Full PDB file with SEQRES, HELIX, SHEET, SSBOND, CRYST1, ORIGX, SCALE, CONECT and MASTER records, all heavy atoms in Angstrom:
SEQRES   1 A   33  ILE PHE ASP VAL ALA LEU GLY ILE TRP PHE GLY GLN PRO          
SEQRES   2 A   33  SER THR LEU CYS VAL PHE ALA GLU THR CYS GLY ASN GLY          
SEQRES   3 A   33  VAL ILE LEU GLU HIS ASN GLY                                  
HELIX    1 AA1 PHE A    2  TRP A    9  1                                   8    
HELIX    2 AA2 CYS A   17  PHE A   19  5                                   3    
CRYST1    1.000    1.000    1.000  90.00  90.00  90.00 P 1           1          
ORIGX1      1.000000  0.000000  0.000000        0.00000                         
ORIGX2      0.000000  1.000000  0.000000        0.00000                         
ORIGX3      0.000000  0.000000  1.000000        0.00000                         
SCALE1      1.000000  0.000000  0.000000        0.00000                         
SCALE2      0.000000  1.000000  0.000000        0.00000                         
SCALE3      0.000000  0.000000  1.000000        0.00000                         
ATOM      1  N   ILE A   1       2.151 -10.085  -3.440  1.00  0.00           N  
ATOM      2  CA  ILE A   1       3.367  -9.365  -3.809  1.00  0.00           C  
ATOM      3  C   ILE A   1       3.595  -9.403  -5.322  1.00  0.00           C  
ATOM      4  O   ILE A   1       4.070  -8.435  -5.910  1.00  0.00           O  
ATOM      5  CB  ILE A   1       4.600  -9.867  -3.018  1.00  0.00           C  
ATOM      6  CG1 ILE A   1       5.792  -8.909  -3.212  1.00  0.00           C  
ATOM      7  CG2 ILE A   1       4.962 -11.288  -3.390  1.00  0.00           C  
ATOM      8  CD1 ILE A   1       6.968  -9.219  -2.294  1.00  0.00           C  
ATOM      9  N   PHE A   2       3.220 -10.498  -5.985  1.00  0.00           N  
ATOM     10  CA  PHE A   2       3.384 -10.587  -7.442  1.00  0.00           C  
ATOM     11  C   PHE A   2       2.362  -9.695  -8.144  1.00  0.00           C  
ATOM     12  O   PHE A   2       2.679  -9.014  -9.117  1.00  0.00           O  
ATOM     13  CB  PHE A   2       3.234 -12.028  -7.936  1.00  0.00           C  
ATOM     14  CG  PHE A   2       4.148 -13.023  -7.272  1.00  0.00           C  
ATOM     15  CD1 PHE A   2       3.839 -14.373  -7.322  1.00  0.00           C  
ATOM     16  CD2 PHE A   2       5.310 -12.649  -6.602  1.00  0.00           C  
ATOM     17  CE1 PHE A   2       4.664 -15.323  -6.725  1.00  0.00           C  
ATOM     18  CE2 PHE A   2       6.133 -13.586  -6.000  1.00  0.00           C  
ATOM     19  CZ  PHE A   2       5.809 -14.923  -6.053  1.00  0.00           C  
ATOM     20  N   ASP A   3       1.131  -9.708  -7.647  1.00  0.00           N  
ATOM     21  CA  ASP A   3       0.088  -8.867  -8.244  1.00  0.00           C  
ATOM     22  C   ASP A   3       0.416  -7.388  -8.079  1.00  0.00           C  
ATOM     23  O   ASP A   3       0.252  -6.592  -9.009  1.00  0.00           O  
ATOM     24  CB  ASP A   3      -1.272  -9.170  -7.615  1.00  0.00           C  
ATOM     25  CG  ASP A   3      -1.769 -10.570  -7.935  1.00  0.00           C  
ATOM     26  OD1 ASP A   3      -1.282 -11.176  -8.912  1.00  0.00           O  
ATOM     27  OD2 ASP A   3      -2.642 -11.065  -7.192  1.00  0.00           O  
ATOM     28  N   VAL A   4       0.895  -7.010  -6.904  1.00  0.00           N  
ATOM     29  CA  VAL A   4       1.276  -5.617  -6.658  1.00  0.00           C  
ATOM     30  C   VAL A   4       2.447  -5.235  -7.563  1.00  0.00           C  
ATOM     31  O   VAL A   4       2.454  -4.161  -8.168  1.00  0.00           O  
ATOM     32  CB  VAL A   4       1.621  -5.402  -5.168  1.00  0.00           C  
ATOM     33  CG1 VAL A   4       2.285  -4.054  -4.934  1.00  0.00           C  
ATOM     34  CG2 VAL A   4       0.363  -5.537  -4.316  1.00  0.00           C  
ATOM     35  N   ALA A   5       3.417  -6.123  -7.669  1.00  0.00           N  
ATOM     36  CA  ALA A   5       4.578  -5.850  -8.532  1.00  0.00           C  
ATOM     37  C   ALA A   5       4.142  -5.660  -9.981  1.00  0.00           C  
ATOM     38  O   ALA A   5       4.579  -4.716 -10.649  1.00  0.00           O  
ATOM     39  CB  ALA A   5       5.599  -6.981  -8.422  1.00  0.00           C  
ATOM     40  N   LEU A   6       3.261  -6.519 -10.462  1.00  0.00           N  
ATOM     41  CA  LEU A   6       2.791  -6.380 -11.836  1.00  0.00           C  
ATOM     42  C   LEU A   6       2.085  -5.046 -12.028  1.00  0.00           C  
ATOM     43  O   LEU A   6       2.289  -4.363 -13.043  1.00  0.00           O  
ATOM     44  CB  LEU A   6       1.872  -7.538 -12.221  1.00  0.00           C  
ATOM     45  CG  LEU A   6       1.306  -7.495 -13.646  1.00  0.00           C  
ATOM     46  CD1 LEU A   6       2.414  -7.390 -14.690  1.00  0.00           C  
ATOM     47  CD2 LEU A   6       0.431  -8.722 -13.895  1.00  0.00           C  
ATOM     48  N   GLY A   7       1.294  -4.645 -11.076  1.00  0.00           N  
ATOM     49  CA  GLY A   7       0.635  -3.345 -11.158  1.00  0.00           C  
ATOM     50  C   GLY A   7       1.637  -2.213 -11.271  1.00  0.00           C  
ATOM     51  O   GLY A   7       1.472  -1.280 -12.064  1.00  0.00           O  
ATOM     52  N   ILE A   8       2.706  -2.292 -10.507  1.00  0.00           N  
ATOM     53  CA  ILE A   8       3.729  -1.245 -10.552  1.00  0.00           C  
ATOM     54  C   ILE A   8       4.455  -1.275 -11.891  1.00  0.00           C  
ATOM     55  O   ILE A   8       4.685  -0.227 -12.504  1.00  0.00           O  
ATOM     56  CB  ILE A   8       4.692  -1.380  -9.361  1.00  0.00           C  
ATOM     57  CG1 ILE A   8       3.930  -1.097  -8.055  1.00  0.00           C  
ATOM     58  CG2 ILE A   8       5.888  -0.430  -9.508  1.00  0.00           C  
ATOM     59  CD1 ILE A   8       4.686  -1.434  -6.796  1.00  0.00           C  
ATOM     60  N   TRP A   9       4.810  -2.455 -12.377  1.00  0.00           N  
ATOM     61  CA  TRP A   9       5.459  -2.543 -13.689  1.00  0.00           C  
ATOM     62  C   TRP A   9       4.504  -2.040 -14.784  1.00  0.00           C  
ATOM     63  O   TRP A   9       4.951  -1.518 -15.791  1.00  0.00           O  
ATOM     64  CB  TRP A   9       5.913  -3.966 -13.986  1.00  0.00           C  
ATOM     65  CG  TRP A   9       7.385  -4.173 -13.795  1.00  0.00           C  
ATOM     66  CD1 TRP A   9       8.365  -3.989 -14.733  1.00  0.00           C  
ATOM     67  CD2 TRP A   9       8.066  -4.607 -12.608  1.00  0.00           C  
ATOM     68  NE1 TRP A   9       9.601  -4.269 -14.205  1.00  0.00           N  
ATOM     69  CE2 TRP A   9       9.436  -4.668 -12.893  1.00  0.00           C  
ATOM     70  CE3 TRP A   9       7.640  -4.954 -11.336  1.00  0.00           C  
ATOM     71  CZ2 TRP A   9      10.399  -5.050 -11.972  1.00  0.00           C  
ATOM     72  CZ3 TRP A   9       8.586  -5.343 -10.410  1.00  0.00           C  
ATOM     73  CH2 TRP A   9       9.948  -5.384 -10.726  1.00  0.00           C  
ATOM     74  N   PHE A  10       3.230  -2.171 -14.558  1.00  0.00           N  
ATOM     75  CA  PHE A  10       2.217  -1.703 -15.501  1.00  0.00           C  
ATOM     76  C   PHE A  10       2.054  -0.176 -15.433  1.00  0.00           C  
ATOM     77  O   PHE A  10       1.465   0.434 -16.304  1.00  0.00           O  
ATOM     78  CB  PHE A  10       0.886  -2.399 -15.217  1.00  0.00           C  
ATOM     79  CG  PHE A  10      -0.203  -2.114 -16.198  1.00  0.00           C  
ATOM     80  CD1 PHE A  10      -0.105  -2.496 -17.529  1.00  0.00           C  
ATOM     81  CD2 PHE A  10      -1.354  -1.453 -15.790  1.00  0.00           C  
ATOM     82  CE1 PHE A  10      -1.135  -2.228 -18.436  1.00  0.00           C  
ATOM     83  CE2 PHE A  10      -2.382  -1.187 -16.679  1.00  0.00           C  
ATOM     84  CZ  PHE A  10      -2.274  -1.573 -18.011  1.00  0.00           C  
ATOM     85  N   GLY A  11       2.590   0.425 -14.383  1.00  0.00           N  
ATOM     86  CA  GLY A  11       2.546   1.878 -14.252  1.00  0.00           C  
ATOM     87  C   GLY A  11       1.587   2.398 -13.204  1.00  0.00           C  
ATOM     88  O   GLY A  11       1.353   3.601 -13.111  1.00  0.00           O  
ATOM     89  N   GLN A  12       1.036   1.510 -12.408  1.00  0.00           N  
ATOM     90  CA  GLN A  12       0.096   1.908 -11.363  1.00  0.00           C  
ATOM     91  C   GLN A  12       0.844   2.134 -10.044  1.00  0.00           C  
ATOM     92  O   GLN A  12       1.888   1.530  -9.818  1.00  0.00           O  
ATOM     93  CB  GLN A  12      -0.960   0.815 -11.161  1.00  0.00           C  
ATOM     94  CG  GLN A  12      -1.772   0.523 -12.400  1.00  0.00           C  
ATOM     95  CD  GLN A  12      -2.560   1.727 -12.852  1.00  0.00           C  
ATOM     96  OE1 GLN A  12      -3.277   2.353 -12.083  1.00  0.00           O  
ATOM     97  NE2 GLN A  12      -2.415   2.087 -14.126  1.00  0.00           N  
ATOM     98  N   PRO A  13       0.307   2.959  -9.169  1.00  0.00           N  
ATOM     99  CA  PRO A  13       0.932   3.096  -7.849  1.00  0.00           C  
ATOM    100  C   PRO A  13       0.734   1.813  -7.044  1.00  0.00           C  
ATOM    101  O   PRO A  13      -0.200   1.054  -7.306  1.00  0.00           O  
ATOM    102  CB  PRO A  13       0.191   4.275  -7.217  1.00  0.00           C  
ATOM    103  CG  PRO A  13      -1.093   4.380  -7.963  1.00  0.00           C  
ATOM    104  CD  PRO A  13      -0.856   3.821  -9.337  1.00  0.00           C  
ATOM    105  N   SER A  14       1.598   1.599  -6.099  1.00  0.00           N  
ATOM    106  CA  SER A  14       1.497   0.407  -5.262  1.00  0.00           C  
ATOM    107  C   SER A  14       0.194   0.404  -4.489  1.00  0.00           C  
ATOM    108  O   SER A  14      -0.203   1.408  -3.909  1.00  0.00           O  
ATOM    109  CB  SER A  14       2.661   0.344  -4.277  1.00  0.00           C  
ATOM    110  OG  SER A  14       2.512  -0.782  -3.429  1.00  0.00           O  
ATOM    111  N   THR A  15      -0.470  -0.728  -4.474  1.00  0.00           N  
ATOM    112  CA  THR A  15      -1.664  -0.902  -3.658  1.00  0.00           C  
ATOM    113  C   THR A  15      -1.315  -1.517  -2.307  1.00  0.00           C  
ATOM    114  O   THR A  15      -2.196  -1.769  -1.491  1.00  0.00           O  
ATOM    115  CB  THR A  15      -2.693  -1.793  -4.378  1.00  0.00           C  
ATOM    116  OG1 THR A  15      -2.077  -3.040  -4.695  1.00  0.00           O  
ATOM    117  CG2 THR A  15      -3.202  -1.118  -5.639  1.00  0.00           C  
ATOM    118  N   LEU A  16      -0.041  -1.750  -2.093  1.00  0.00           N  
ATOM    119  CA  LEU A  16       0.454  -2.308  -0.837  1.00  0.00           C  
ATOM    120  C   LEU A  16       1.379  -1.268  -0.207  1.00  0.00           C  
ATOM    121  O   LEU A  16       2.354  -0.842  -0.831  1.00  0.00           O  
ATOM    122  CB  LEU A  16       1.203  -3.615  -1.105  1.00  0.00           C  
ATOM    123  CG  LEU A  16       1.672  -4.436   0.071  1.00  0.00           C  
ATOM    124  CD1 LEU A  16       0.493  -4.872   0.945  1.00  0.00           C  
ATOM    125  CD2 LEU A  16       2.433  -5.663  -0.413  1.00  0.00           C  
ATOM    126  N   CYS A  17       1.067  -0.858   1.006  1.00  0.00           N  
ATOM    127  CA  CYS A  17       1.823   0.230   1.635  1.00  0.00           C  
ATOM    128  C   CYS A  17       3.312  -0.060   1.718  1.00  0.00           C  
ATOM    129  O   CYS A  17       4.129   0.857   1.636  1.00  0.00           O  
ATOM    130  CB  CYS A  17       1.257   0.543   3.014  1.00  0.00           C  
ATOM    131  SG  CYS A  17       1.394  -0.799   4.221  1.00  0.00           S  
ATOM    132  N   VAL A  18       3.686  -1.312   1.861  1.00  0.00           N  
ATOM    133  CA  VAL A  18       5.093  -1.672   1.986  1.00  0.00           C  
ATOM    134  C   VAL A  18       5.914  -1.108   0.827  1.00  0.00           C  
ATOM    135  O   VAL A  18       7.038  -0.656   1.022  1.00  0.00           O  
ATOM    136  CB  VAL A  18       5.254  -3.213   2.054  1.00  0.00           C  
ATOM    137  CG1 VAL A  18       6.706  -3.629   1.992  1.00  0.00           C  
ATOM    138  CG2 VAL A  18       4.588  -3.762   3.299  1.00  0.00           C  
ATOM    139  N   PHE A  19       5.348  -1.094  -0.372  1.00  0.00           N  
ATOM    140  CA  PHE A  19       6.095  -0.654  -1.548  1.00  0.00           C  
ATOM    141  C   PHE A  19       5.672   0.718  -2.058  1.00  0.00           C  
ATOM    142  O   PHE A  19       6.172   1.176  -3.083  1.00  0.00           O  
ATOM    143  CB  PHE A  19       5.997  -1.699  -2.655  1.00  0.00           C  
ATOM    144  CG  PHE A  19       6.514  -3.035  -2.207  1.00  0.00           C  
ATOM    145  CD1 PHE A  19       5.698  -4.146  -2.218  1.00  0.00           C  
ATOM    146  CD2 PHE A  19       7.801  -3.175  -1.728  1.00  0.00           C  
ATOM    147  CE1 PHE A  19       6.153  -5.375  -1.774  1.00  0.00           C  
ATOM    148  CE2 PHE A  19       8.281  -4.397  -1.271  1.00  0.00           C  
ATOM    149  CZ  PHE A  19       7.455  -5.501  -1.297  1.00  0.00           C  
ATOM    150  N   ALA A  20       4.775   1.386  -1.372  1.00  0.00           N  
ATOM    151  CA  ALA A  20       4.384   2.739  -1.754  1.00  0.00           C  
ATOM    152  C   ALA A  20       5.533   3.696  -1.458  1.00  0.00           C  
ATOM    153  O   ALA A  20       6.369   3.439  -0.589  1.00  0.00           O  
ATOM    154  CB  ALA A  20       3.138   3.158  -0.985  1.00  0.00           C  
ATOM    155  N   GLU A  21       5.563   4.803  -2.184  1.00  0.00           N  
ATOM    156  CA  GLU A  21       6.632   5.779  -1.975  1.00  0.00           C  
ATOM    157  C   GLU A  21       6.555   6.408  -0.587  1.00  0.00           C  
ATOM    158  O   GLU A  21       7.577   6.689   0.039  1.00  0.00           O  
ATOM    159  CB  GLU A  21       6.565   6.870  -3.038  1.00  0.00           C  
ATOM    160  CG  GLU A  21       7.702   7.858  -2.933  1.00  0.00           C  
ATOM    161  CD  GLU A  21       7.686   8.922  -4.002  1.00  0.00           C  
ATOM    162  OE1 GLU A  21       6.601   9.230  -4.551  1.00  0.00           O  
ATOM    163  OE2 GLU A  21       8.769   9.465  -4.295  1.00  0.00           O  
ATOM    164  N   THR A  22       5.338   6.622  -0.103  1.00  0.00           N  
ATOM    165  CA  THR A  22       5.151   7.204   1.216  1.00  0.00           C  
ATOM    166  C   THR A  22       4.204   6.321   2.024  1.00  0.00           C  
ATOM    167  O   THR A  22       3.532   5.448   1.489  1.00  0.00           O  
ATOM    168  CB  THR A  22       4.563   8.630   1.120  1.00  0.00           C  
ATOM    169  OG1 THR A  22       3.301   8.568   0.466  1.00  0.00           O  
ATOM    170  CG2 THR A  22       5.510   9.562   0.368  1.00  0.00           C  
ATOM    171  N   CYS A  23       4.162   6.581   3.315  1.00  0.00           N  
ATOM    172  CA  CYS A  23       3.292   5.841   4.235  1.00  0.00           C  
ATOM    173  C   CYS A  23       2.129   6.722   4.660  1.00  0.00           C  
ATOM    174  O   CYS A  23       2.034   7.869   4.262  1.00  0.00           O  
ATOM    175  CB  CYS A  23       4.064   5.453   5.492  1.00  0.00           C  
ATOM    176  SG  CYS A  23       5.260   4.140   5.299  1.00  0.00           S  
ATOM    177  N   GLY A  24       1.328   6.166   5.524  1.00  0.00           N  
ATOM    178  CA  GLY A  24       0.328   6.964   6.195  1.00  0.00           C  
ATOM    179  C   GLY A  24      -1.103   6.707   5.806  1.00  0.00           C  
ATOM    180  O   GLY A  24      -2.012   7.309   6.371  1.00  0.00           O  
ATOM    181  N   ASN A  25      -1.345   5.810   4.853  1.00  0.00           N  
ATOM    182  CA  ASN A  25      -2.720   5.531   4.453  1.00  0.00           C  
ATOM    183  C   ASN A  25      -3.319   4.335   5.176  1.00  0.00           C  
ATOM    184  O   ASN A  25      -4.477   4.014   4.962  1.00  0.00           O  
ATOM    185  CB  ASN A  25      -2.800   5.304   2.940  1.00  0.00           C  
ATOM    186  CG  ASN A  25      -2.476   6.565   2.178  1.00  0.00           C  
ATOM    187  OD1 ASN A  25      -2.763   7.659   2.631  1.00  0.00           O  
ATOM    188  ND2 ASN A  25      -1.851   6.415   1.027  1.00  0.00           N  
ATOM    189  N   GLY A  26      -2.544   3.688   6.004  1.00  0.00           N  
ATOM    190  CA  GLY A  26      -3.024   2.502   6.712  1.00  0.00           C  
ATOM    191  C   GLY A  26      -3.077   2.736   8.206  1.00  0.00           C  
ATOM    192  O   GLY A  26      -2.422   2.021   8.970  1.00  0.00           O  
ATOM    193  N   VAL A  27      -3.849   3.722   8.622  1.00  0.00           N  
ATOM    194  CA  VAL A  27      -3.958   4.015  10.054  1.00  0.00           C  
ATOM    195  C   VAL A  27      -4.632   2.848  10.768  1.00  0.00           C  
ATOM    196  O   VAL A  27      -5.280   2.009  10.150  1.00  0.00           O  
ATOM    197  CB  VAL A  27      -4.737   5.326  10.303  1.00  0.00           C  
ATOM    198  CG1 VAL A  27      -3.980   6.518   9.745  1.00  0.00           C  
ATOM    199  CG2 VAL A  27      -6.146   5.255   9.750  1.00  0.00           C  
ATOM    200  N   ILE A  28      -4.465   2.832  12.070  1.00  0.00           N  
ATOM    201  CA  ILE A  28      -5.074   1.779  12.879  1.00  0.00           C  
ATOM    202  C   ILE A  28      -5.895   2.422  13.993  1.00  0.00           C  
ATOM    203  O   ILE A  28      -5.446   3.353  14.639  1.00  0.00           O  
ATOM    204  CB  ILE A  28      -4.013   0.808  13.462  1.00  0.00           C  
ATOM    205  CG1 ILE A  28      -4.650  -0.367  14.191  1.00  0.00           C  
ATOM    206  CG2 ILE A  28      -3.047   1.505  14.355  1.00  0.00           C  
ATOM    207  CD1 ILE A  28      -5.216  -1.401  13.288  1.00  0.00           C  
ATOM    208  N   LEU A  29      -7.103   1.922  14.141  1.00  0.00           N  
ATOM    209  CA  LEU A  29      -8.014   2.430  15.161  1.00  0.00           C  
ATOM    210  C   LEU A  29      -8.199   1.360  16.220  1.00  0.00           C  
ATOM    211  O   LEU A  29      -8.596   0.232  15.916  1.00  0.00           O  
ATOM    212  CB  LEU A  29      -9.362   2.790  14.518  1.00  0.00           C  
ATOM    213  CG  LEU A  29     -10.438   3.350  15.439  1.00  0.00           C  
ATOM    214  CD1 LEU A  29     -10.010   4.695  16.027  1.00  0.00           C  
ATOM    215  CD2 LEU A  29     -11.753   3.469  14.674  1.00  0.00           C  
ATOM    216  N   GLU A  30      -7.927   1.711  17.441  1.00  0.00           N  
ATOM    217  CA  GLU A  30      -8.097   0.794  18.562  1.00  0.00           C  
ATOM    218  C   GLU A  30      -9.544   0.873  19.086  1.00  0.00           C  
ATOM    219  O   GLU A  30     -10.267   1.831  18.800  1.00  0.00           O  
ATOM    220  CB  GLU A  30      -7.112   1.139  19.688  1.00  0.00           C  
ATOM    221  CG  GLU A  30      -5.662   0.833  19.331  1.00  0.00           C  
ATOM    222  CD  GLU A  30      -5.363  -0.648  19.289  1.00  0.00           C  
ATOM    223  OE1 GLU A  30      -5.783  -1.380  20.204  1.00  0.00           O  
ATOM    224  OE2 GLU A  30      -4.695  -1.085  18.337  1.00  0.00           O  
ATOM    225  N   HIS A  31      -9.930  -0.110  19.853  1.00  0.00           N  
ATOM    226  CA  HIS A  31     -11.298  -0.207  20.378  1.00  0.00           C  
ATOM    227  C   HIS A  31     -11.723   1.002  21.210  1.00  0.00           C  
ATOM    228  O   HIS A  31     -12.895   1.333  21.289  1.00  0.00           O  
ATOM    229  CB  HIS A  31     -11.445  -1.486  21.213  1.00  0.00           C  
ATOM    230  CG  HIS A  31     -10.696  -1.426  22.506  1.00  0.00           C  
ATOM    231  ND1 HIS A  31      -9.327  -1.589  22.577  1.00  0.00           N  
ATOM    232  CD2 HIS A  31     -11.122  -1.185  23.762  1.00  0.00           C  
ATOM    233  CE1 HIS A  31      -8.940  -1.464  23.825  1.00  0.00           C  
ATOM    234  NE2 HIS A  31     -10.003  -1.228  24.568  1.00  0.00           N  
ATOM    235  N   ASN A  32     -10.768   1.681  21.802  1.00  0.00           N  
ATOM    236  CA  ASN A  32     -11.087   2.823  22.660  1.00  0.00           C  
ATOM    237  C   ASN A  32     -11.092   4.158  21.909  1.00  0.00           C  
ATOM    238  O   ASN A  32     -11.261   5.209  22.513  1.00  0.00           O  
ATOM    239  CB  ASN A  32     -10.102   2.892  23.829  1.00  0.00           C  
ATOM    240  CG  ASN A  32      -8.676   3.171  23.378  1.00  0.00           C  
ATOM    241  OD1 ASN A  32      -8.379   3.194  22.180  1.00  0.00           O  
ATOM    242  ND2 ASN A  32      -7.788   3.371  24.339  1.00  0.00           N  
ATOM    243  N   GLY A  33     -10.892   4.106  20.588  1.00  0.00           N  
ATOM    244  CA  GLY A  33     -10.908   5.325  19.794  1.00  0.00           C  
ATOM    245  C   GLY A  33      -9.543   5.895  19.494  1.00  0.00           C  
ATOM    246  O   GLY A  33      -9.428   6.878  18.753  1.00  0.00           O  
TER     247      GLY A  33                                                      
MASTER        0    0    0    2    0    0    0    6  246    1    0    3          
END                                                                             
C-alpha cells in the first residue's frame, strides 16, 4: 500500500485495483473455464 501510494504521488496510475479509478482488470478464471 505504501509503494502503490508513492507511485500515485509520483504521478503513476495505481498498480493496485483497490485504488484504481476503475475496475475490471483483475478478472478471475475458475477451473471449469
